[in-house]
Amino acid sequence: MLPTPSQTVGPFFNIGLPGSSAELVAPASPGAIRLWGHVYDGEGEPVIDALLEIWQANSAGRYNSPEDPRDDLPLDESFRGFGRAETDDSGRYEFVTVKPGPVEDQAPHIVVAVFARGLLKHLATRVYFPGEGTANESDPVLAAVDPERRGTVVAREEEGGLRFDVHLQGERETVFFDV
């Protein structure tokens, strides 16, 4: 019996992505930040047809969901906790969002799913924030990452925003999590 090719992710057609937006808040909103970066393959070349999805809590640490049982946290009607961005011809993506508040014992973070050609299923990672020393040190997920590789999931301040590059393979490979 001969093996058959596996299904790969993509290509992504705009007709399949109605209503998706890379703006979780309006750019002029108080506390709005720009999260941007590039997606690179194992050779360091830009991936020009990737799709990134992010999910996150609002600035108070609440997921904007009626099912969130923490009634003491405010619901932010102007905030969308989910966004999608495609990479451009240079492999660049960009979101406009807010810095999330901490959720329970976790440091402020954004969950990222990466979809790209050649992947049999999406990759999951997190973006942590610079300057969150104590919170990042005590985050249970980040603590499970090899200390030498933690930097691959911490954004850095650059060009008036936060830069988070995704390296799919290679020496600078981003830490990905099993989900």
N, C-alpha and C. Protein backbone atom coordinates (compact mmCIF):
# COMPACT_ATOMS: atom_id res chain seq x y z
N MET A 1 0.84 -1.17 0.00
CA MET A 1 0.00 0.00 0.00
C MET A 1 0.89 1.24 0.00
N LEU A 2 0.57 2.21 -0.85
CA LEU A 2 1.34 3.45 -0.94
C LEU A 2 0.72 4.51 -0.05
N PRO A 3 1.55 5.26 0.66
CA PRO A 3 1.00 6.35 1.46
C PRO A 3 0.44 7.45 0.55
N THR A 4 -0.56 8.12 1.03
CA THR A 4 -1.15 9.23 0.27
C THR A 4 -0.71 10.54 0.89
N PRO A 5 -0.69 11.61 0.11
CA PRO A 5 -0.27 12.90 0.67
C PRO A 5 -1.21 13.36 1.77
N SER A 6 -0.67 14.04 2.73
CA SER A 6 -1.49 14.60 3.81
C SER A 6 -2.10 15.92 3.38
N GLN A 7 -3.16 16.27 4.01
CA GLN A 7 -3.79 17.57 3.78
C GLN A 7 -2.92 18.64 4.42
N THR A 8 -2.65 19.71 3.71
CA THR A 8 -1.91 20.81 4.29
C THR A 8 -2.84 21.98 4.53
N VAL A 9 -2.38 22.92 5.33
CA VAL A 9 -3.16 24.09 5.66
C VAL A 9 -2.98 25.13 4.56
N GLY A 10 -4.08 25.73 4.09
CA GLY A 10 -4.02 26.79 3.10
C GLY A 10 -4.09 26.23 1.70
N PRO A 11 -4.06 27.03 0.67
CA PRO A 11 -3.94 28.49 0.71
C PRO A 11 -5.20 29.14 1.29
N PHE A 12 -5.06 30.37 1.68
CA PHE A 12 -6.16 31.09 2.30
C PHE A 12 -6.78 32.05 1.30
N PHE A 13 -8.05 31.93 1.12
CA PHE A 13 -8.77 32.78 0.19
C PHE A 13 -9.61 33.77 0.97
N ASN A 14 -9.62 34.99 0.52
CA ASN A 14 -10.39 36.01 1.22
C ASN A 14 -11.86 35.65 1.36
N ILE A 15 -12.39 34.85 0.43
CA ILE A 15 -13.80 34.49 0.54
C ILE A 15 -14.07 33.61 1.76
N GLY A 16 -13.05 32.97 2.28
CA GLY A 16 -13.21 32.12 3.44
C GLY A 16 -12.98 32.83 4.75
N LEU A 17 -12.68 34.11 4.70
CA LEU A 17 -12.35 34.86 5.91
C LEU A 17 -13.24 36.08 6.10
N PRO A 18 -14.54 35.95 5.93
CA PRO A 18 -15.38 37.14 6.08
C PRO A 18 -15.40 37.64 7.51
N GLY A 19 -15.37 38.95 7.64
CA GLY A 19 -15.49 39.55 8.96
C GLY A 19 -14.25 39.46 9.82
N SER A 20 -13.17 38.91 9.31
CA SER A 20 -11.97 38.85 10.14
C SER A 20 -11.30 40.22 10.12
N SER A 21 -10.67 40.54 11.23
CA SER A 21 -10.05 41.85 11.33
C SER A 21 -8.81 41.77 12.20
N ALA A 22 -7.81 42.53 11.80
CA ALA A 22 -6.59 42.62 12.59
C ALA A 22 -6.68 43.75 13.61
N GLU A 23 -7.80 44.46 13.64
CA GLU A 23 -8.00 45.52 14.63
C GLU A 23 -8.96 45.04 15.70
N LEU A 24 -8.41 44.72 16.88
CA LEU A 24 -9.23 44.31 18.00
C LEU A 24 -9.82 45.52 18.70
N VAL A 25 -9.16 46.66 18.52
CA VAL A 25 -9.65 47.97 18.97
C VAL A 25 -9.33 48.97 17.88
N ALA A 26 -10.00 50.09 17.90
CA ALA A 26 -9.68 51.17 16.96
C ALA A 26 -8.28 51.71 17.29
N PRO A 27 -7.50 52.07 16.28
CA PRO A 27 -6.14 52.56 16.53
C PRO A 27 -6.06 53.76 17.47
N ALA A 28 -7.11 54.58 17.52
CA ALA A 28 -7.10 55.76 18.38
C ALA A 28 -7.64 55.47 19.78
N SER A 29 -8.00 54.24 20.07
CA SER A 29 -8.53 53.88 21.39
C SER A 29 -7.48 54.08 22.47
N PRO A 30 -7.90 54.46 23.67
CA PRO A 30 -6.95 54.57 24.78
C PRO A 30 -6.28 53.22 25.03
N GLY A 31 -4.98 53.22 25.15
CA GLY A 31 -4.24 52.00 25.42
C GLY A 31 -3.97 51.13 24.21
N ALA A 32 -4.35 51.59 23.02
CA ALA A 32 -4.13 50.78 21.81
C ALA A 32 -2.64 50.58 21.58
N ILE A 33 -2.27 49.37 21.22
CA ILE A 33 -0.88 49.05 20.88
C ILE A 33 -0.85 48.35 19.52
N ARG A 34 0.30 48.46 18.90
CA ARG A 34 0.51 47.79 17.62
C ARG A 34 1.40 46.58 17.88
N LEU A 35 0.90 45.39 17.55
CA LEU A 35 1.66 44.15 17.64
C LEU A 35 1.97 43.73 16.21
N TRP A 36 3.24 43.65 15.88
CA TRP A 36 3.60 43.36 14.51
C TRP A 36 4.85 42.48 14.48
N GLY A 37 5.11 41.92 13.33
CA GLY A 37 6.31 41.12 13.15
C GLY A 37 6.30 40.46 11.80
N HIS A 38 7.18 39.51 11.64
CA HIS A 38 7.31 38.74 10.40
C HIS A 38 7.24 37.26 10.72
N VAL A 39 6.85 36.48 9.74
CA VAL A 39 6.87 35.03 9.85
C VAL A 39 7.97 34.55 8.90
N TYR A 40 8.88 33.71 9.44
CA TYR A 40 10.01 33.21 8.66
C TYR A 40 9.99 31.68 8.63
N ASP A 41 10.45 31.12 7.52
CA ASP A 41 10.57 29.67 7.42
C ASP A 41 11.92 29.23 8.01
N GLY A 42 12.23 27.95 7.90
CA GLY A 42 13.45 27.41 8.48
C GLY A 42 14.73 27.94 7.86
N GLU A 43 14.64 28.48 6.65
CA GLU A 43 15.80 29.06 5.98
C GLU A 43 15.94 30.56 6.26
N GLY A 44 15.01 31.11 7.05
CA GLY A 44 15.04 32.54 7.33
C GLY A 44 14.36 33.39 6.27
N GLU A 45 13.68 32.75 5.35
CA GLU A 45 12.96 33.46 4.29
C GLU A 45 11.55 33.82 4.78
N PRO A 46 11.03 34.97 4.35
CA PRO A 46 9.68 35.35 4.79
C PRO A 46 8.63 34.40 4.22
N VAL A 47 7.62 34.12 5.04
CA VAL A 47 6.47 33.32 4.61
C VAL A 47 5.39 34.32 4.21
N ILE A 48 5.11 34.39 2.92
CA ILE A 48 4.26 35.46 2.40
C ILE A 48 2.78 35.10 2.34
N ASP A 49 2.44 33.89 2.75
CA ASP A 49 1.04 33.50 2.69
C ASP A 49 0.59 32.80 3.97
N ALA A 50 1.06 33.29 5.10
CA ALA A 50 0.64 32.75 6.40
C ALA A 50 -0.55 33.53 6.92
N LEU A 51 -1.23 32.94 7.86
CA LEU A 51 -2.36 33.58 8.53
C LEU A 51 -2.12 33.42 10.02
N LEU A 52 -2.24 34.51 10.77
CA LEU A 52 -2.11 34.46 12.22
C LEU A 52 -3.44 34.83 12.85
N GLU A 53 -3.82 34.09 13.87
CA GLU A 53 -5.00 34.41 14.67
C GLU A 53 -4.53 34.67 16.09
N ILE A 54 -5.14 35.65 16.73
CA ILE A 54 -4.83 35.90 18.14
C ILE A 54 -6.11 35.89 18.95
N TRP A 55 -5.98 35.47 20.21
CA TRP A 55 -7.05 35.52 21.20
C TRP A 55 -6.44 36.09 22.46
N GLN A 56 -7.23 36.90 23.15
CA GLN A 56 -6.68 37.49 24.36
C GLN A 56 -7.77 38.05 25.25
N ALA A 57 -7.40 38.28 26.50
CA ALA A 57 -8.28 38.95 27.45
C ALA A 57 -8.20 40.45 27.22
N ASN A 58 -9.15 41.18 27.78
CA ASN A 58 -9.10 42.64 27.69
C ASN A 58 -8.13 43.19 28.74
N SER A 59 -8.02 44.49 28.84
CA SER A 59 -7.04 45.10 29.75
C SER A 59 -7.32 44.81 31.22
N ALA A 60 -8.55 44.38 31.54
CA ALA A 60 -8.89 44.00 32.91
C ALA A 60 -8.66 42.51 33.17
N GLY A 61 -8.18 41.77 32.18
CA GLY A 61 -7.95 40.35 32.36
C GLY A 61 -9.20 39.50 32.18
N ARG A 62 -10.16 40.02 31.45
CA ARG A 62 -11.41 39.29 31.21
C ARG A 62 -11.56 38.99 29.73
N TYR A 63 -11.93 37.76 29.45
CA TYR A 63 -12.29 37.40 28.09
C TYR A 63 -13.70 37.92 27.86
N ASN A 64 -13.92 38.64 26.79
CA ASN A 64 -15.22 39.24 26.53
C ASN A 64 -16.22 38.17 26.14
N SER A 65 -16.64 37.43 27.11
CA SER A 65 -17.58 36.35 26.87
C SER A 65 -18.62 36.34 27.97
N PRO A 66 -19.88 36.20 27.62
CA PRO A 66 -20.92 36.10 28.65
C PRO A 66 -20.72 34.90 29.56
N GLU A 67 -19.95 33.90 29.08
CA GLU A 67 -19.71 32.70 29.88
C GLU A 67 -18.61 32.90 30.92
N ASP A 68 -17.89 34.03 30.85
CA ASP A 68 -16.84 34.30 31.82
C ASP A 68 -17.50 34.47 33.18
N PRO A 69 -17.23 33.57 34.13
CA PRO A 69 -17.95 33.61 35.41
C PRO A 69 -17.52 34.72 36.35
N ARG A 70 -16.49 35.46 35.99
CA ARG A 70 -15.99 36.49 36.90
C ARG A 70 -16.75 37.78 36.69
N ASP A 71 -17.90 37.88 37.32
CA ASP A 71 -18.78 39.05 37.15
C ASP A 71 -18.17 40.33 37.69
N ASP A 72 -17.12 40.21 38.52
CA ASP A 72 -16.52 41.41 39.09
C ASP A 72 -15.63 42.15 38.10
N LEU A 73 -15.36 41.54 36.94
CA LEU A 73 -14.51 42.19 35.94
C LEU A 73 -15.38 42.84 34.88
N PRO A 74 -15.00 44.04 34.43
CA PRO A 74 -15.83 44.74 33.45
C PRO A 74 -15.77 44.12 32.06
N LEU A 75 -16.90 44.11 31.38
CA LEU A 75 -16.98 43.70 29.99
C LEU A 75 -16.71 44.94 29.15
N ASP A 76 -15.82 44.84 28.19
CA ASP A 76 -15.45 45.98 27.36
C ASP A 76 -16.12 45.82 26.00
N GLU A 77 -17.18 46.57 25.79
CA GLU A 77 -17.97 46.45 24.56
C GLU A 77 -17.21 46.90 23.31
N SER A 78 -16.15 47.71 23.48
CA SER A 78 -15.41 48.20 22.31
C SER A 78 -14.24 47.28 21.93
N PHE A 79 -14.05 46.21 22.67
CA PHE A 79 -12.90 45.32 22.48
C PHE A 79 -13.34 44.00 21.87
N ARG A 80 -12.63 43.58 20.83
CA ARG A 80 -12.80 42.24 20.26
C ARG A 80 -11.63 41.40 20.72
N GLY A 81 -11.86 40.30 21.34
CA GLY A 81 -10.78 39.47 21.87
C GLY A 81 -10.18 38.50 20.88
N PHE A 82 -10.51 38.67 19.59
CA PHE A 82 -10.05 37.77 18.55
C PHE A 82 -9.72 38.57 17.30
N GLY A 83 -8.65 38.21 16.61
CA GLY A 83 -8.31 38.88 15.36
C GLY A 83 -7.54 37.95 14.44
N ARG A 84 -7.56 38.30 13.16
CA ARG A 84 -6.80 37.56 12.14
C ARG A 84 -6.02 38.54 11.28
N ALA A 85 -4.82 38.14 10.92
CA ALA A 85 -3.99 38.95 10.02
C ALA A 85 -3.23 38.03 9.09
N GLU A 86 -3.20 38.41 7.83
CA GLU A 86 -2.42 37.69 6.84
C GLU A 86 -1.05 38.35 6.72
N THR A 87 -0.06 37.57 6.31
CA THR A 87 1.24 38.16 6.05
C THR A 87 1.25 38.76 4.64
N ASP A 88 2.06 39.80 4.46
CA ASP A 88 2.16 40.44 3.15
C ASP A 88 3.35 39.88 2.37
N ASP A 89 3.74 40.57 1.32
CA ASP A 89 4.82 40.09 0.45
C ASP A 89 6.19 40.06 1.13
N SER A 90 6.30 40.68 2.31
CA SER A 90 7.56 40.62 3.05
C SER A 90 7.44 39.70 4.27
N GLY A 91 6.30 39.01 4.40
CA GLY A 91 6.08 38.13 5.54
C GLY A 91 5.62 38.85 6.78
N ARG A 92 5.24 40.13 6.64
CA ARG A 92 4.86 40.96 7.78
C ARG A 92 3.37 40.87 8.06
N TYR A 93 3.03 40.90 9.35
CA TYR A 93 1.64 40.98 9.81
C TYR A 93 1.56 42.10 10.84
N GLU A 94 0.35 42.54 11.14
CA GLU A 94 0.17 43.58 12.15
C GLU A 94 -1.23 43.51 12.75
N PHE A 95 -1.30 43.68 14.07
CA PHE A 95 -2.56 43.78 14.80
C PHE A 95 -2.59 45.10 15.56
N VAL A 96 -3.79 45.61 15.82
CA VAL A 96 -3.99 46.72 16.75
C VAL A 96 -4.84 46.16 17.87
N THR A 97 -4.31 46.23 19.08
CA THR A 97 -5.00 45.63 20.23
C THR A 97 -4.67 46.41 21.49
N VAL A 98 -4.94 45.84 22.63
CA VAL A 98 -4.57 46.41 23.93
C VAL A 98 -3.74 45.38 24.68
N LYS A 99 -2.97 45.84 25.63
CA LYS A 99 -2.24 44.90 26.47
C LYS A 99 -3.26 44.23 27.40
N PRO A 100 -3.32 42.90 27.37
CA PRO A 100 -4.28 42.23 28.24
C PRO A 100 -3.85 42.28 29.69
N GLY A 101 -4.82 42.25 30.57
CA GLY A 101 -4.52 42.13 31.99
C GLY A 101 -4.19 40.68 32.32
N PRO A 102 -3.63 40.45 33.50
CA PRO A 102 -3.33 39.07 33.88
C PRO A 102 -4.63 38.28 34.10
N VAL A 103 -4.60 37.02 33.73
CA VAL A 103 -5.72 36.12 33.93
C VAL A 103 -5.29 35.09 34.96
N GLU A 104 -5.94 35.11 36.12
CA GLU A 104 -5.61 34.21 37.23
C GLU A 104 -4.13 34.29 37.54
N ASP A 105 -3.39 33.17 37.50
CA ASP A 105 -1.97 33.19 37.87
C ASP A 105 -1.05 33.35 36.67
N GLN A 106 -1.59 33.78 35.53
CA GLN A 106 -0.79 33.91 34.32
C GLN A 106 -0.43 35.37 34.05
N ALA A 107 0.77 35.56 33.53
CA ALA A 107 1.21 36.89 33.14
C ALA A 107 0.39 37.36 31.94
N PRO A 108 0.32 38.67 31.71
CA PRO A 108 -0.36 39.15 30.50
C PRO A 108 0.25 38.49 29.27
N HIS A 109 -0.62 37.97 28.40
CA HIS A 109 -0.14 37.28 27.21
C HIS A 109 -1.24 37.28 26.15
N ILE A 110 -0.82 36.99 24.94
CA ILE A 110 -1.74 36.83 23.80
C ILE A 110 -1.47 35.45 23.21
N VAL A 111 -2.53 34.71 22.96
CA VAL A 111 -2.41 33.39 22.34
C VAL A 111 -2.38 33.58 20.83
N VAL A 112 -1.46 32.91 20.16
CA VAL A 112 -1.29 33.04 18.71
C VAL A 112 -1.37 31.66 18.05
N ALA A 113 -2.15 31.58 16.98
CA ALA A 113 -2.17 30.39 16.13
C ALA A 113 -1.59 30.79 14.78
N VAL A 114 -0.70 29.97 14.26
CA VAL A 114 -0.06 30.24 12.98
C VAL A 114 -0.47 29.16 11.99
N PHE A 115 -1.03 29.59 10.87
CA PHE A 115 -1.42 28.69 9.79
C PHE A 115 -0.54 29.03 8.58
N ALA A 116 0.05 28.03 7.96
CA ALA A 116 0.91 28.29 6.81
C ALA A 116 1.01 27.03 5.95
N ARG A 117 1.39 27.24 4.69
CA ARG A 117 1.55 26.11 3.78
C ARG A 117 2.58 25.14 4.35
N GLY A 118 2.33 23.88 4.10
CA GLY A 118 3.24 22.86 4.57
C GLY A 118 2.98 22.37 5.98
N LEU A 119 2.13 23.06 6.72
CA LEU A 119 1.80 22.62 8.07
C LEU A 119 0.58 21.70 8.00
N LEU A 120 0.65 20.59 8.69
CA LEU A 120 -0.49 19.69 8.72
C LEU A 120 -1.56 20.19 9.68
N LYS A 121 -1.15 20.93 10.68
CA LYS A 121 -2.10 21.60 11.58
C LYS A 121 -1.44 22.89 12.06
N HIS A 122 -2.25 23.78 12.58
CA HIS A 122 -1.70 25.07 12.99
C HIS A 122 -0.72 24.90 14.15
N LEU A 123 0.10 25.91 14.34
CA LEU A 123 1.04 25.97 15.45
C LEU A 123 0.51 26.97 16.47
N ALA A 124 0.70 26.66 17.74
CA ALA A 124 0.21 27.54 18.81
C ALA A 124 1.38 28.04 19.63
N THR A 125 1.36 29.33 19.91
CA THR A 125 2.38 29.93 20.76
C THR A 125 1.72 31.05 21.56
N ARG A 126 2.51 31.76 22.30
CA ARG A 126 2.04 32.90 23.09
C ARG A 126 2.99 34.07 22.89
N VAL A 127 2.45 35.26 23.03
CA VAL A 127 3.26 36.48 23.07
C VAL A 127 3.19 37.00 24.50
N TYR A 128 4.34 37.10 25.13
CA TYR A 128 4.44 37.72 26.45
C TYR A 128 5.00 39.13 26.27
N PHE A 129 4.85 39.96 27.29
CA PHE A 129 5.21 41.37 27.19
C PHE A 129 6.52 41.66 27.91
N PRO A 130 7.35 42.53 27.31
CA PRO A 130 8.59 42.93 27.98
C PRO A 130 8.24 43.78 29.21
N GLY A 131 9.13 43.80 30.17
CA GLY A 131 8.92 44.62 31.34
C GLY A 131 7.97 44.01 32.37
N GLU A 132 7.66 42.75 32.22
CA GLU A 132 6.76 42.06 33.16
C GLU A 132 7.56 41.03 33.95
N GLY A 133 8.71 41.46 34.47
CA GLY A 133 9.64 40.55 35.12
C GLY A 133 9.02 39.56 36.09
N THR A 134 8.41 40.05 37.17
CA THR A 134 7.85 39.16 38.19
C THR A 134 6.70 38.33 37.64
N ALA A 135 5.81 38.96 36.89
CA ALA A 135 4.67 38.21 36.33
C ALA A 135 5.15 37.15 35.35
N ASN A 136 6.10 37.49 34.47
CA ASN A 136 6.61 36.51 33.52
C ASN A 136 7.35 35.37 34.24
N GLU A 137 8.10 35.70 35.28
CA GLU A 137 8.84 34.68 36.01
C GLU A 137 7.91 33.69 36.71
N SER A 138 6.73 34.15 37.14
CA SER A 138 5.82 33.27 37.87
C SER A 138 4.74 32.64 36.99
N ASP A 139 4.72 32.97 35.70
CA ASP A 139 3.72 32.40 34.81
C ASP A 139 3.99 30.89 34.66
N PRO A 140 2.98 30.04 34.93
CA PRO A 140 3.22 28.59 34.88
C PRO A 140 3.54 28.06 33.48
N VAL A 141 3.00 28.65 32.44
CA VAL A 141 3.29 28.19 31.08
C VAL A 141 4.70 28.61 30.68
N LEU A 142 5.03 29.86 30.92
CA LEU A 142 6.36 30.35 30.56
C LEU A 142 7.43 29.65 31.39
N ALA A 143 7.13 29.31 32.63
CA ALA A 143 8.09 28.60 33.48
C ALA A 143 8.42 27.21 32.95
N ALA A 144 7.51 26.63 32.16
CA ALA A 144 7.73 25.30 31.59
C ALA A 144 8.64 25.34 30.36
N VAL A 145 8.95 26.54 29.87
CA VAL A 145 9.80 26.69 28.69
C VAL A 145 11.26 26.76 29.12
N ASP A 146 12.12 26.09 28.36
CA ASP A 146 13.56 26.13 28.61
C ASP A 146 13.99 27.60 28.73
N PRO A 147 14.67 27.96 29.81
CA PRO A 147 15.07 29.36 30.01
C PRO A 147 15.82 29.97 28.83
N GLU A 148 16.60 29.17 28.11
CA GLU A 148 17.35 29.69 26.97
C GLU A 148 16.44 30.01 25.78
N ARG A 149 15.20 29.49 25.78
CA ARG A 149 14.30 29.71 24.64
C ARG A 149 13.15 30.64 24.99
N ARG A 150 13.05 31.09 26.23
CA ARG A 150 11.92 31.95 26.63
C ARG A 150 11.86 33.24 25.82
N GLY A 151 12.99 33.73 25.42
CA GLY A 151 13.02 34.97 24.64
C GLY A 151 12.27 34.86 23.32
N THR A 152 12.05 33.66 22.82
CA THR A 152 11.33 33.51 21.55
C THR A 152 9.84 33.78 21.69
N VAL A 153 9.34 33.89 22.92
CA VAL A 153 7.91 34.17 23.11
C VAL A 153 7.68 35.49 23.85
N VAL A 154 8.71 36.31 23.94
CA VAL A 154 8.57 37.64 24.54
C VAL A 154 8.77 38.68 23.45
N ALA A 155 7.77 39.54 23.27
CA ALA A 155 7.87 40.61 22.27
C ALA A 155 8.92 41.63 22.71
N ARG A 156 9.34 42.45 21.77
CA ARG A 156 10.27 43.52 22.11
C ARG A 156 9.74 44.84 21.55
N GLU A 157 10.04 45.90 22.26
CA GLU A 157 9.60 47.22 21.83
C GLU A 157 10.44 47.66 20.64
N GLU A 158 9.73 48.05 19.57
CA GLU A 158 10.42 48.48 18.36
C GLU A 158 9.44 49.26 17.48
N GLU A 159 9.92 50.34 16.89
CA GLU A 159 9.14 51.16 15.95
C GLU A 159 7.77 51.56 16.50
N GLY A 160 7.75 51.95 17.76
CA GLY A 160 6.50 52.44 18.36
C GLY A 160 5.47 51.36 18.63
N GLY A 161 5.87 50.12 18.61
CA GLY A 161 4.95 49.02 18.89
C GLY A 161 5.70 47.87 19.52
N LEU A 162 5.08 46.72 19.50
CA LEU A 162 5.71 45.51 20.00
C LEU A 162 5.96 44.57 18.84
N ARG A 163 7.20 44.16 18.68
CA ARG A 163 7.56 43.27 17.58
C ARG A 163 7.65 41.84 18.09
N PHE A 164 6.99 40.95 17.35
CA PHE A 164 7.03 39.53 17.67
C PHE A 164 7.18 38.75 16.37
N ASP A 165 8.41 38.31 16.10
CA ASP A 165 8.67 37.52 14.90
C ASP A 165 8.43 36.05 15.21
N VAL A 166 7.91 35.34 14.22
CA VAL A 166 7.65 33.91 14.33
C VAL A 166 8.61 33.19 13.39
N HIS A 167 9.42 32.31 13.96
CA HIS A 167 10.34 31.49 13.18
C HIS A 167 9.80 30.06 13.23
N LEU A 168 9.39 29.54 12.08
CA LEU A 168 8.75 28.24 12.04
C LEU A 168 9.70 27.09 12.32
N GLN A 169 10.96 27.24 12.00
CA GLN A 169 11.99 26.22 12.22
C GLN A 169 13.33 26.91 12.35
N GLY A 170 14.35 26.11 12.59
CA GLY A 170 15.71 26.62 12.56
C GLY A 170 16.25 27.01 13.92
N GLU A 171 17.40 27.63 13.87
CA GLU A 171 18.13 27.99 15.09
C GLU A 171 17.33 28.93 15.99
N ARG A 172 16.53 29.82 15.41
CA ARG A 172 15.77 30.79 16.19
C ARG A 172 14.28 30.41 16.29
N GLU A 173 13.99 29.13 16.13
CA GLU A 173 12.60 28.66 16.12
C GLU A 173 11.84 29.16 17.35
N THR A 174 10.65 29.67 17.11
CA THR A 174 9.75 30.11 18.17
C THR A 174 9.29 28.88 18.95
N VAL A 175 9.09 29.03 20.24
CA VAL A 175 8.53 27.94 21.05
C VAL A 175 7.06 27.79 20.69
N PHE A 176 6.68 26.57 20.35
CA PHE A 176 5.28 26.25 20.06
C PHE A 176 4.79 25.25 21.09
N PHE A 177 3.49 25.29 21.39
CA PHE A 177 2.89 24.46 22.41
C PHE A 177 1.95 23.44 21.81
N ASP A 178 1.91 22.25 22.40
CA ASP A 178 0.92 21.25 22.01
C ASP A 178 -0.44 21.69 22.55
N VAL A 179 -1.43 21.65 21.68
CA VAL A 179 -2.79 21.99 22.12
C VAL A 179 -3.76 20.89 21.75
